């Protein structure tokens, strides 16, 4: 909605496709010489998987924005390598506060500067908090998400580098393995680099010894032997991740790992 209203208020043109598939969207980009494509990390991954970009002229495309969920670093870098002339910009916003201004450090960087007029940001114990003039009053029949001095607790775990932050993921999705924090997006980014992986969702499951263990659901591009693939995946991860981050349980699934809005289905610890 933010992109729609911003575009129209600046005398821009909005192109809408009936069926949001990579093919249809990129076909519209070529046909109408689209300059800005607002999307999600999940949809960018689908564009890469479909290879539909090979069939269309995308030279008009100047900027691709992404948000609503963490971006796997491997997906970002691969897209940037294919389209180095396109500016990739991470966006950040919340229904409770509105959309903040943002500036990515580089097109292939997950570090982003957020804020703008009417917004203040701070990081407390590794978690992002925001004060906004446009903030909601609160939730109905639910706990107050604001601090006593008016800062909204986003629940997003972040790193800081000067004015820039790197969003690691939701605090509620962190997997605690024997006291070590595991961020699902980091593991997903590694697994996404494997051949034949279409989509992957990493989540935690309770474990009597370590508290939680890392698990992964994987949708393959082509059918493969589940046992052999699981062994290969663990071997692949061991070369790139610390031992406690390597998935213990791997499930090969046939269901898509994203919603109709092209957002990854929420991970749930069980």
C-alpha atoms as a PDB file:
ATOM      1  CA  UNK A   1       0.000   0.000   0.000  1.00  0.00           C
ATOM      2  CA  UNK A   2       2.859   2.371   0.848  1.00  0.00           C
ATOM      3  CA  UNK A   3       4.464   1.860  -2.591  1.00  0.00           C
ATOM      4  CA  UNK A   4       1.095   2.220  -4.327  1.00  0.00           C
ATOM      5  CA  UNK A   5       0.226   5.520  -2.645  1.00  0.00           C
ATOM      6  CA  UNK A   6       3.760   6.903  -2.977  1.00  0.00           C
ATOM      7  CA  UNK A   7       3.857   6.111  -6.709  1.00  0.00           C
ATOM      8  CA  UNK A   8       0.444   7.604  -7.436  1.00  0.00           C
ATOM      9  CA  UNK A   9       1.092  10.742  -5.345  1.00  0.00           C
ATOM     10  CA  UNK A  10       4.241  11.350  -7.417  1.00  0.00           C
ATOM     11  CA  UNK A  11       2.370  11.036 -10.742  1.00  0.00           C
ATOM     12  CA  UNK A  12       3.744   7.551 -11.379  1.00  0.00           C
ATOM     13  CA  UNK A  13       2.064   4.588 -13.060  1.00  0.00           C
ATOM     14  CA  UNK A  14       1.273   1.334 -11.285  1.00  0.00           C
ATOM     15  CA  UNK A  15       1.228  -1.914 -13.275  1.00  0.00           C
ATOM     16  CA  UNK A  16      -0.875  -4.740 -11.810  1.00  0.00           C
ATOM     17  CA  UNK A  17      -0.737  -8.351 -13.019  1.00  0.00           C
ATOM     18  CA  UNK A  18      -3.576 -10.821 -12.531  1.00  0.00           C
ATOM     19  CA  UNK A  19      -1.353 -13.728 -11.570  1.00  0.00           C
ATOM     20  CA  UNK A  20       1.855 -12.876  -9.729  1.00  0.00           C
ATOM     21  CA  UNK A  21       4.250 -15.447 -11.123  1.00  0.00           C
ATOM     22  CA  UNK A  22       7.862 -14.640 -12.057  1.00  0.00           C
ATOM     23  CA  UNK A  23       6.972 -15.066 -15.730  1.00  0.00           C
ATOM     24  CA  UNK A  24       3.991 -12.706 -15.632  1.00  0.00           C
ATOM     25  CA  UNK A  25       5.735 -10.076 -13.538  1.00  0.00           C
ATOM     26  CA  UNK A  26       8.868  -9.984 -15.691  1.00  0.00           C
ATOM     27  CA  UNK A  27       6.777  -9.988 -18.853  1.00  0.00           C
ATOM     28  CA  UNK A  28       5.029  -6.858 -17.524  1.00  0.00           C
ATOM     29  CA  UNK A  29       8.401  -5.279 -16.690  1.00  0.00           C
ATOM     30  CA  UNK A  30       9.490  -5.663 -20.320  1.00  0.00           C
ATOM     31  CA  UNK A  31       6.147  -4.674 -21.864  1.00  0.00           C
ATOM     32  CA  UNK A  32       5.575  -1.530 -19.793  1.00  0.00           C
ATOM     33  CA  UNK A  33       9.232  -0.592 -19.212  1.00  0.00           C
ATOM     34  CA  UNK A  34       8.816  -0.818 -15.435  1.00  0.00           C
ATOM     35  CA  UNK A  35      11.482   1.031 -13.418  1.00  0.00           C
ATOM     36  CA  UNK A  36      10.663  -0.060  -9.853  1.00  0.00           C
ATOM     37  CA  UNK A  37       9.791  -3.561  -8.645  1.00  0.00           C
ATOM     38  CA  UNK A  38       8.685  -3.821  -4.990  1.00  0.00           C
ATOM     39  CA  UNK A  39       8.890  -7.431  -3.851  1.00  0.00           C
ATOM     40  CA  UNK A  40       9.970  -9.866  -1.130  1.00  0.00           C
ATOM     41  CA  UNK A  41      13.053 -12.073  -0.641  1.00  0.00           C
ATOM     42  CA  UNK A  42      10.877 -15.117  -1.331  1.00  0.00           C
ATOM     43  CA  UNK A  43       9.748 -13.750  -4.714  1.00  0.00           C
ATOM     44  CA  UNK A  44      13.311 -12.815  -5.664  1.00  0.00           C
ATOM     45  CA  UNK A  45      14.293 -16.415  -4.946  1.00  0.00           C
ATOM     46  CA  UNK A  46      11.441 -17.650  -7.165  1.00  0.00           C
ATOM     47  CA  UNK A  47      12.670 -15.400  -9.995  1.00  0.00           C
ATOM     48  CA  UNK A  48      16.118 -16.973  -9.684  1.00  0.00           C
ATOM     49  CA  UNK A  49      14.723 -20.507  -9.595  1.00  0.00           C
ATOM     50  CA  UNK A  50      12.403 -20.030 -12.565  1.00  0.00           C
ATOM     51  CA  UNK A  51      15.148 -18.415 -14.684  1.00  0.00           C
ATOM     52  CA  UNK A  52      12.307 -16.449 -16.300  1.00  0.00           C
ATOM     53  CA  UNK A  53      14.657 -13.448 -16.390  1.00  0.00           C
ATOM     54  CA  UNK A  54      16.472 -15.090 -19.317  1.00  0.00           C
ATOM     55  CA  UNK A  55      13.423 -14.587 -21.538  1.00  0.00           C
ATOM     56  CA  UNK A  56      12.770 -10.870 -21.004  1.00  0.00           C
ATOM     57  CA  UNK A  57      14.479  -7.530 -21.468  1.00  0.00           C
ATOM     58  CA  UNK A  58      14.761  -5.993 -18.001  1.00  0.00           C
ATOM     59  CA  UNK A  59      17.001  -3.030 -18.878  1.00  0.00           C
ATOM     60  CA  UNK A  60      14.298  -0.541 -17.804  1.00  0.00           C
ATOM     61  CA  UNK A  61      14.393  -1.851 -14.238  1.00  0.00           C
ATOM     62  CA  UNK A  62      16.332   0.609 -12.070  1.00  0.00           C
ATOM     63  CA  UNK A  63      15.391  -0.434  -8.532  1.00  0.00           C
ATOM     64  CA  UNK A  64      14.177  -3.564  -6.755  1.00  0.00           C
ATOM     65  CA  UNK A  65      13.000  -3.117  -3.173  1.00  0.00           C
ATOM     66  CA  UNK A  66      12.534  -5.976  -0.734  1.00  0.00           C
ATOM     67  CA  UNK A  67      11.211  -6.341   2.784  1.00  0.00           C
ATOM     68  CA  UNK A  68       8.556  -8.005   4.997  1.00  0.00           C
ATOM     69  CA  UNK A  69      10.988 -10.818   5.950  1.00  0.00           C
ATOM     70  CA  UNK A  70      14.750 -11.402   6.372  1.00  0.00           C
ATOM     71  CA  UNK A  71      16.745 -11.721   3.145  1.00  0.00           C
ATOM     72  CA  UNK A  72      19.096 -14.732   2.822  1.00  0.00           C
ATOM     73  CA  UNK A  73      22.507 -13.299   1.972  1.00  0.00           C
ATOM     74  CA  UNK A  74      23.132 -15.931  -0.708  1.00  0.00           C
ATOM     75  CA  UNK A  75      19.912 -14.945  -2.526  1.00  0.00           C
ATOM     76  CA  UNK A  76      20.797 -11.237  -2.397  1.00  0.00           C
ATOM     77  CA  UNK A  77      24.330 -11.743  -3.721  1.00  0.00           C
ATOM     78  CA  UNK A  78      23.220 -14.056  -6.522  1.00  0.00           C
ATOM     79  CA  UNK A  79      20.571 -11.597  -7.731  1.00  0.00           C
ATOM     80  CA  UNK A  80      23.088  -8.747  -7.574  1.00  0.00           C
ATOM     81  CA  UNK A  81      25.623 -10.753  -9.593  1.00  0.00           C
ATOM     82  CA  UNK A  82      23.036 -11.312 -12.306  1.00  0.00           C
ATOM     83  CA  UNK A  83      21.829  -7.700 -12.311  1.00  0.00           C
ATOM     84  CA  UNK A  84      24.686  -5.473 -11.101  1.00  0.00           C
ATOM     85  CA  UNK A  85      23.102  -2.365 -12.650  1.00  0.00           C
ATOM     86  CA  UNK A  86      19.888  -2.688 -10.633  1.00  0.00           C
ATOM     87  CA  UNK A  87      19.829  -0.944  -7.266  1.00  0.00           C
ATOM     88  CA  UNK A  88      18.690  -3.307  -4.517  1.00  0.00           C
ATOM     89  CA  UNK A  89      17.108  -1.534  -1.570  1.00  0.00           C
ATOM     90  CA  UNK A  90      15.942  -3.056   1.695  1.00  0.00           C
ATOM     91  CA  UNK A  91      12.768  -1.550   3.175  1.00  0.00           C
ATOM     92  CA  UNK A  92      11.525  -1.641   6.743  1.00  0.00           C
ATOM     93  CA  UNK A  93       8.131  -0.941   8.228  1.00  0.00           C
ATOM     94  CA  UNK A  94       5.558  -2.149  10.709  1.00  0.00           C
ATOM     95  CA  UNK A  95       1.771  -1.932  10.749  1.00  0.00           C
ATOM     96  CA  UNK A  96       2.031  -0.509  14.257  1.00  0.00           C
ATOM     97  CA  UNK A  97       4.326   2.369  13.214  1.00  0.00           C
ATOM     98  CA  UNK A  98       4.333   2.907   9.459  1.00  0.00           C
ATOM     99  CA  UNK A  99       7.111   2.757   6.862  1.00  0.00           C
ATOM    100  CA  UNK A 100      10.537   4.122   7.770  1.00  0.00           C
ATOM    101  CA  UNK A 101      12.950   5.688   5.310  1.00  0.00           C
ATOM    102  CA  UNK A 102      15.764   3.281   4.461  1.00  0.00           C
ATOM    103  CA  UNK A 103      19.121   3.244   2.725  1.00  0.00           C
ATOM    104  CA  UNK A 104      21.082   0.060   2.056  1.00  0.00           C
ATOM    105  CA  UNK A 105      24.855   0.359   2.475  1.00  0.00           C
ATOM    106  CA  UNK A 106      25.319  -1.365  -0.915  1.00  0.00           C
ATOM    107  CA  UNK A 107      23.104  -3.327  -3.276  1.00  0.00           C
ATOM    108  CA  UNK A 108      24.622  -6.616  -2.149  1.00  0.00           C
ATOM    109  CA  UNK A 109      24.692  -5.668   1.557  1.00  0.00           C
ATOM    110  CA  UNK A 110      22.200  -6.555   4.277  1.00  0.00           C
ATOM    111  CA  UNK A 111      23.275  -3.508   6.313  1.00  0.00           C
ATOM    112  CA  UNK A 112      20.632  -0.780   6.172  1.00  0.00           C
ATOM    113  CA  UNK A 113      20.098   2.672   7.650  1.00  0.00           C
ATOM    114  CA  UNK A 114      16.517   3.227   8.827  1.00  0.00           C
ATOM    115  CA  UNK A 115      14.693   6.183  10.349  1.00  0.00           C
ATOM    116  CA  UNK A 116      13.640   9.427   8.730  1.00  0.00           C
ATOM    117  CA  UNK A 117      11.391  12.299   9.751  1.00  0.00           C
ATOM    118  CA  UNK A 118       9.134  11.368  12.653  1.00  0.00           C
ATOM    119  CA  UNK A 119      11.134   8.262  13.615  1.00  0.00           C
ATOM    120  CA  UNK A 120      13.840   7.520  16.169  1.00  0.00           C
ATOM    121  CA  UNK A 121      15.653   4.203  16.544  1.00  0.00           C
ATOM    122  CA  UNK A 122      17.722   2.548  19.248  1.00  0.00           C
ATOM    123  CA  UNK A 123      19.011  -0.925  20.056  1.00  0.00           C
ATOM    124  CA  UNK A 124      18.531  -2.361  23.544  1.00  0.00           C
ATOM    125  CA  UNK A 125      20.047  -5.736  24.400  1.00  0.00           C
ATOM    126  CA  UNK A 126      20.411  -6.509  20.687  1.00  0.00           C
ATOM    127  CA  UNK A 127      16.750  -5.748  19.924  1.00  0.00           C
ATOM    128  CA  UNK A 128      15.501  -2.878  17.751  1.00  0.00           C
ATOM    129  CA  UNK A 129      13.185  -0.308  19.326  1.00  0.00           C
ATOM    130  CA  UNK A 130      11.483   2.552  17.466  1.00  0.00           C
ATOM    131  CA  UNK A 131       9.750   5.743  18.565  1.00  0.00           C
ATOM    132  CA  UNK A 132       7.376   7.169  15.975  1.00  0.00           C
ATOM    133  CA  UNK A 133       4.952  10.071  15.743  1.00  0.00           C
ATOM    134  CA  UNK A 134       2.720   7.807  13.638  1.00  0.00           C
ATOM    135  CA  UNK A 135       2.661   4.973  16.193  1.00  0.00           C
ATOM    136  CA  UNK A 136      -0.600   3.266  17.065  1.00  0.00           C
ATOM    137  CA  UNK A 137      -2.113   3.709  20.539  1.00  0.00           C
ATOM    138  CA  UNK A 138      -1.843   0.029  21.392  1.00  0.00           C
ATOM    139  CA  UNK A 139      -3.448  -3.397  21.000  1.00  0.00           C
ATOM    140  CA  UNK A 140      -6.987  -4.264  22.101  1.00  0.00           C
ATOM    141  CA  UNK A 141      -7.045  -6.743  24.981  1.00  0.00           C
ATOM    142  CA  UNK A 142      -3.336  -7.496  24.600  1.00  0.00           C
ATOM    143  CA  UNK A 143      -0.108  -6.524  26.413  1.00  0.00           C
ATOM    144  CA  UNK A 144       1.306  -3.046  25.776  1.00  0.00           C
ATOM    145  CA  UNK A 145       4.198  -3.316  23.250  1.00  0.00           C
ATOM    146  CA  UNK A 146       5.654   0.081  24.236  1.00  0.00           C
ATOM    147  CA  UNK A 147       8.228   0.901  26.893  1.00  0.00           C
ATOM    148  CA  UNK A 148       7.349   3.400  29.609  1.00  0.00           C
ATOM    149  CA  UNK A 149       9.102   6.143  27.643  1.00  0.00           C
ATOM    150  CA  UNK A 150       7.208   5.398  24.422  1.00  0.00           C
ATOM    151  CA  UNK A 151       9.542   3.142  22.397  1.00  0.00           C
ATOM    152  CA  UNK A 152       7.950   0.306  20.400  1.00  0.00           C
ATOM    153  CA  UNK A 153       9.622  -3.078  20.957  1.00  0.00           C
ATOM    154  CA  UNK A 154       9.849  -4.554  17.447  1.00  0.00           C
ATOM    155  CA  UNK A 155      11.128  -7.982  18.509  1.00  0.00           C
ATOM    156  CA  UNK A 156      13.728  -7.842  15.729  1.00  0.00           C
ATOM    157  CA  UNK A 157      17.230  -8.959  16.678  1.00  0.00           C
ATOM    158  CA  UNK A 158      19.873  -6.760  15.036  1.00  0.00           C
ATOM    159  CA  UNK A 159      23.580  -5.982  14.819  1.00  0.00           C
ATOM    160  CA  UNK A 160      24.884  -2.407  14.699  1.00  0.00           C
ATOM    161  CA  UNK A 161      27.628  -0.788  12.622  1.00  0.00           C
ATOM    162  CA  UNK A 162      27.525   2.954  13.193  1.00  0.00           C
ATOM    163  CA  UNK A 163      24.264   4.256  11.699  1.00  0.00           C
ATOM    164  CA  UNK A 164      23.534   0.951   9.992  1.00  0.00           C
ATOM    165  CA  UNK A 165      21.771  -2.134  11.336  1.00  0.00           C
ATOM    166  CA  UNK A 166      21.659  -5.708  10.117  1.00  0.00           C
ATOM    167  CA  UNK A 167      18.391  -7.490  10.834  1.00  0.00           C
ATOM    168  CA  UNK A 168      19.084 -11.051  11.960  1.00  0.00           C
ATOM    169  CA  UNK A 169      15.489 -12.168  12.453  1.00  0.00           C
ATOM    170  CA  UNK A 170      12.670 -12.240  14.956  1.00  0.00           C
ATOM    171  CA  UNK A 171      13.664 -12.847  18.561  1.00  0.00           C
ATOM    172  CA  UNK A 172      10.817 -15.372  18.776  1.00  0.00           C
ATOM    173  CA  UNK A 173      12.385 -17.438  15.975  1.00  0.00           C
ATOM    174  CA  UNK A 174      15.881 -17.731  17.473  1.00  0.00           C
ATOM    175  CA  UNK A 175      16.815 -21.360  18.166  1.00  0.00           C
ATOM    176  CA  UNK A 176      18.658 -21.847  21.465  1.00  0.00           C
ATOM    177  CA  UNK A 177      20.975 -24.840  21.114  1.00  0.00           C
ATOM    178  CA  UNK A 178      22.737 -25.505  24.405  1.00  0.00           C
ATOM    179  CA  UNK A 179      22.928 -21.778  25.128  1.00  0.00           C
ATOM    180  CA  UNK A 180      24.084 -20.879  21.597  1.00  0.00           C
ATOM    181  CA  UNK A 181      21.827 -18.652  19.467  1.00  0.00           C
ATOM    182  CA  UNK A 182      20.993 -19.866  15.970  1.00  0.00           C
ATOM    183  CA  UNK A 183      19.300 -17.534  13.478  1.00  0.00           C
ATOM    184  CA  UNK A 184      17.214 -19.489  10.922  1.00  0.00           C
ATOM    185  CA  UNK A 185      17.982 -17.076   8.064  1.00  0.00           C
ATOM    186  CA  UNK A 186      21.718 -17.766   8.310  1.00  0.00           C
ATOM    187  CA  UNK A 187      21.152 -21.524   7.941  1.00  0.00           C
ATOM    188  CA  UNK A 188      18.605 -21.034   5.156  1.00  0.00           C
ATOM    189  CA  UNK A 189      21.074 -18.867   3.266  1.00  0.00           C
ATOM    190  CA  UNK A 190      23.672 -21.652   3.329  1.00  0.00           C
ATOM    191  CA  UNK A 191      21.256 -24.434   2.349  1.00  0.00           C
ATOM    192  CA  UNK A 192      19.840 -22.261  -0.449  1.00  0.00           C
ATOM    193  CA  UNK A 193      23.263 -22.431  -2.117  1.00  0.00           C
ATOM    194  CA  UNK A 194      22.944 -26.206  -2.593  1.00  0.00           C
ATOM    195  CA  UNK A 195      22.035 -27.564  -5.984  1.00  0.00           C
ATOM    196  CA  UNK A 196      18.429 -28.733  -6.412  1.00  0.00           C
ATOM    197  CA  UNK A 197      17.107 -26.700  -3.456  1.00  0.00           C
ATOM    198  CA  UNK A 198      14.010 -24.679  -4.339  1.00  0.00           C
ATOM    199  CA  UNK A 199      12.964 -23.454  -0.891  1.00  0.00           C
ATOM    200  CA  UNK A 200      13.996 -24.133   2.692  1.00  0.00           C
ATOM    201  CA  UNK A 201      12.557 -23.284   6.094  1.00  0.00           C
ATOM    202  CA  UNK A 202      14.680 -23.701   9.218  1.00  0.00           C
ATOM    203  CA  UNK A 203      13.092 -23.903  12.659  1.00  0.00           C
ATOM    204  CA  UNK A 204      13.693 -25.329  16.118  1.00  0.00           C
ATOM    205  CA  UNK A 205      12.349 -28.381  17.925  1.00  0.00           C
ATOM    206  CA  UNK A 206      12.613 -29.120  21.619  1.00  0.00           C
ATOM    207  CA  UNK A 207      15.440 -31.418  22.634  1.00  0.00           C
ATOM    208  CA  UNK A 208      15.917 -32.963  26.086  1.00  0.00           C
ATOM    209  CA  UNK A 209      19.706 -32.528  26.000  1.00  0.00           C
ATOM    210  CA  UNK A 210      20.379 -29.223  24.230  1.00  0.00           C
ATOM    211  CA  UNK A 211      17.035 -27.503  24.845  1.00  0.00           C
ATOM    212  CA  UNK A 212      16.380 -27.165  21.128  1.00  0.00           C
ATOM    213  CA  UNK A 213      17.722 -28.648  17.915  1.00  0.00           C
ATOM    214  CA  UNK A 214      17.914 -27.200  14.422  1.00  0.00           C
ATOM    215  CA  UNK A 215      15.507 -28.673  11.857  1.00  0.00           C
ATOM    216  CA  UNK A 216      14.907 -27.950   8.188  1.00  0.00           C
ATOM    217  CA  UNK A 217      12.075 -28.468   5.720  1.00  0.00           C
ATOM    218  CA  UNK A 218      13.328 -28.536   2.137  1.00  0.00           C
ATOM    219  CA  UNK A 219      11.404 -28.310  -1.120  1.00  0.00           C
ATOM    220  CA  UNK A 220      13.472 -29.720  -3.976  1.00  0.00           C
ATOM    221  CA  UNK A 221      13.414 -28.611  -7.594  1.00  0.00           C
ATOM    222  CA  UNK A 222      13.536 -32.243  -8.704  1.00  0.00           C
ATOM    223  CA  UNK A 223      12.843 -35.431  -6.783  1.00  0.00           C
ATOM    224  CA  UNK A 224      15.812 -37.048  -5.074  1.00  0.00           C
ATOM    225  CA  UNK A 225      16.535 -39.819  -2.607  1.00  0.00           C
ATOM    226  CA  UNK A 226      15.591 -38.315   0.769  1.00  0.00           C
ATOM    227  CA  UNK A 227      18.218 -40.172   2.785  1.00  0.00           C
ATOM    228  CA  UNK A 228      21.048 -39.426   0.374  1.00  0.00           C
ATOM    229  CA  UNK A 229      20.040 -35.768   0.104  1.00  0.00           C
ATOM    230  CA  UNK A 230      19.860 -35.371   3.894  1.00  0.00           C
ATOM    231  CA  UNK A 231      23.373 -36.784   4.253  1.00  0.00           C
ATOM    232  CA  UNK A 232      24.646 -34.457   1.516  1.00  0.00           C
ATOM    233  CA  UNK A 233      22.950 -31.455   3.141  1.00  0.00           C
ATOM    234  CA  UNK A 234      24.559 -32.106   6.529  1.00  0.00           C
ATOM    235  CA  UNK A 235      27.953 -32.554   4.891  1.00  0.00           C
ATOM    236  CA  UNK A 236      27.453 -29.303   2.946  1.00  0.00           C
ATOM    237  CA  UNK A 237      26.509 -27.407   6.116  1.00  0.00           C
ATOM    238  CA  UNK A 238      29.381 -28.809   8.216  1.00  0.00           C
ATOM    239  CA  UNK A 239      31.850 -27.217   5.813  1.00  0.00           C
ATOM    240  CA  UNK A 240      30.224 -23.804   6.194  1.00  0.00           C
ATOM    241  CA  UNK A 241      28.675 -23.659   9.663  1.00  0.00           C
ATOM    242  CA  UNK A 242      29.575 -24.328  13.272  1.00  0.00           C
ATOM    243  CA  UNK A 243      28.536 -27.785  14.445  1.00  0.00           C
ATOM    244  CA  UNK A 244      25.615 -26.600  16.615  1.00  0.00           C
ATOM    245  CA  UNK A 245      24.083 -24.809  13.598  1.00  0.00           C
ATOM    246  CA  UNK A 246      23.948 -27.898  11.358  1.00  0.00           C
ATOM    247  CA  UNK A 247      20.364 -29.218  10.996  1.00  0.00           C
ATOM    248  CA  UNK A 248      19.789 -32.403  12.983  1.00  0.00           C
ATOM    249  CA  UNK A 249      16.453 -33.302  11.414  1.00  0.00           C
ATOM    250  CA  UNK A 250      15.749 -32.765   7.717  1.00  0.00           C
ATOM    251  CA  UNK A 251      12.366 -33.250   6.089  1.00  0.00           C
ATOM    252  CA  UNK A 252      11.856 -33.278   2.332  1.00  0.00           C
ATOM    253  CA  UNK A 253       8.457 -31.738   1.599  1.00  0.00           C
ATOM    254  CA  UNK A 254       6.294 -31.201  -1.461  1.00  0.00           C
ATOM    255  CA  UNK A 255       4.478 -28.112  -0.182  1.00  0.00           C
ATOM    256  CA  UNK A 256       5.578 -24.598  -1.068  1.00  0.00           C
ATOM    257  CA  UNK A 257       7.304 -22.853   1.821  1.00  0.00           C
ATOM    258  CA  UNK A 258       5.676 -19.463   1.197  1.00  0.00           C
ATOM    259  CA  UNK A 259       2.236 -17.891   1.431  1.00  0.00           C
ATOM    260  CA  UNK A 260       0.124 -16.410  -1.360  1.00  0.00           C
ATOM    261  CA  UNK A 261       1.714 -13.049  -0.542  1.00  0.00           C
ATOM    262  CA  UNK A 262       5.157 -14.521  -1.302  1.00  0.00           C
ATOM    263  CA  UNK A 263       6.269 -14.405   2.310  1.00  0.00           C
ATOM    264  CA  UNK A 264       7.955 -17.339   4.002  1.00  0.00           C
ATOM    265  CA  UNK A 265       5.569 -19.315   6.175  1.00  0.00           C
ATOM    266  CA  UNK A 266       6.410 -18.578   9.797  1.00  0.00           C
ATOM    267  CA  UNK A 267       8.724 -20.982  11.541  1.00  0.00           C
ATOM    268  CA  UNK A 268       7.290 -22.546  14.681  1.00  0.00           C
ATOM    269  CA  UNK A 269       9.258 -24.326  17.367  1.00  0.00           C
ATOM    270  CA  UNK A 270       7.614 -27.489  18.608  1.00  0.00           C
END
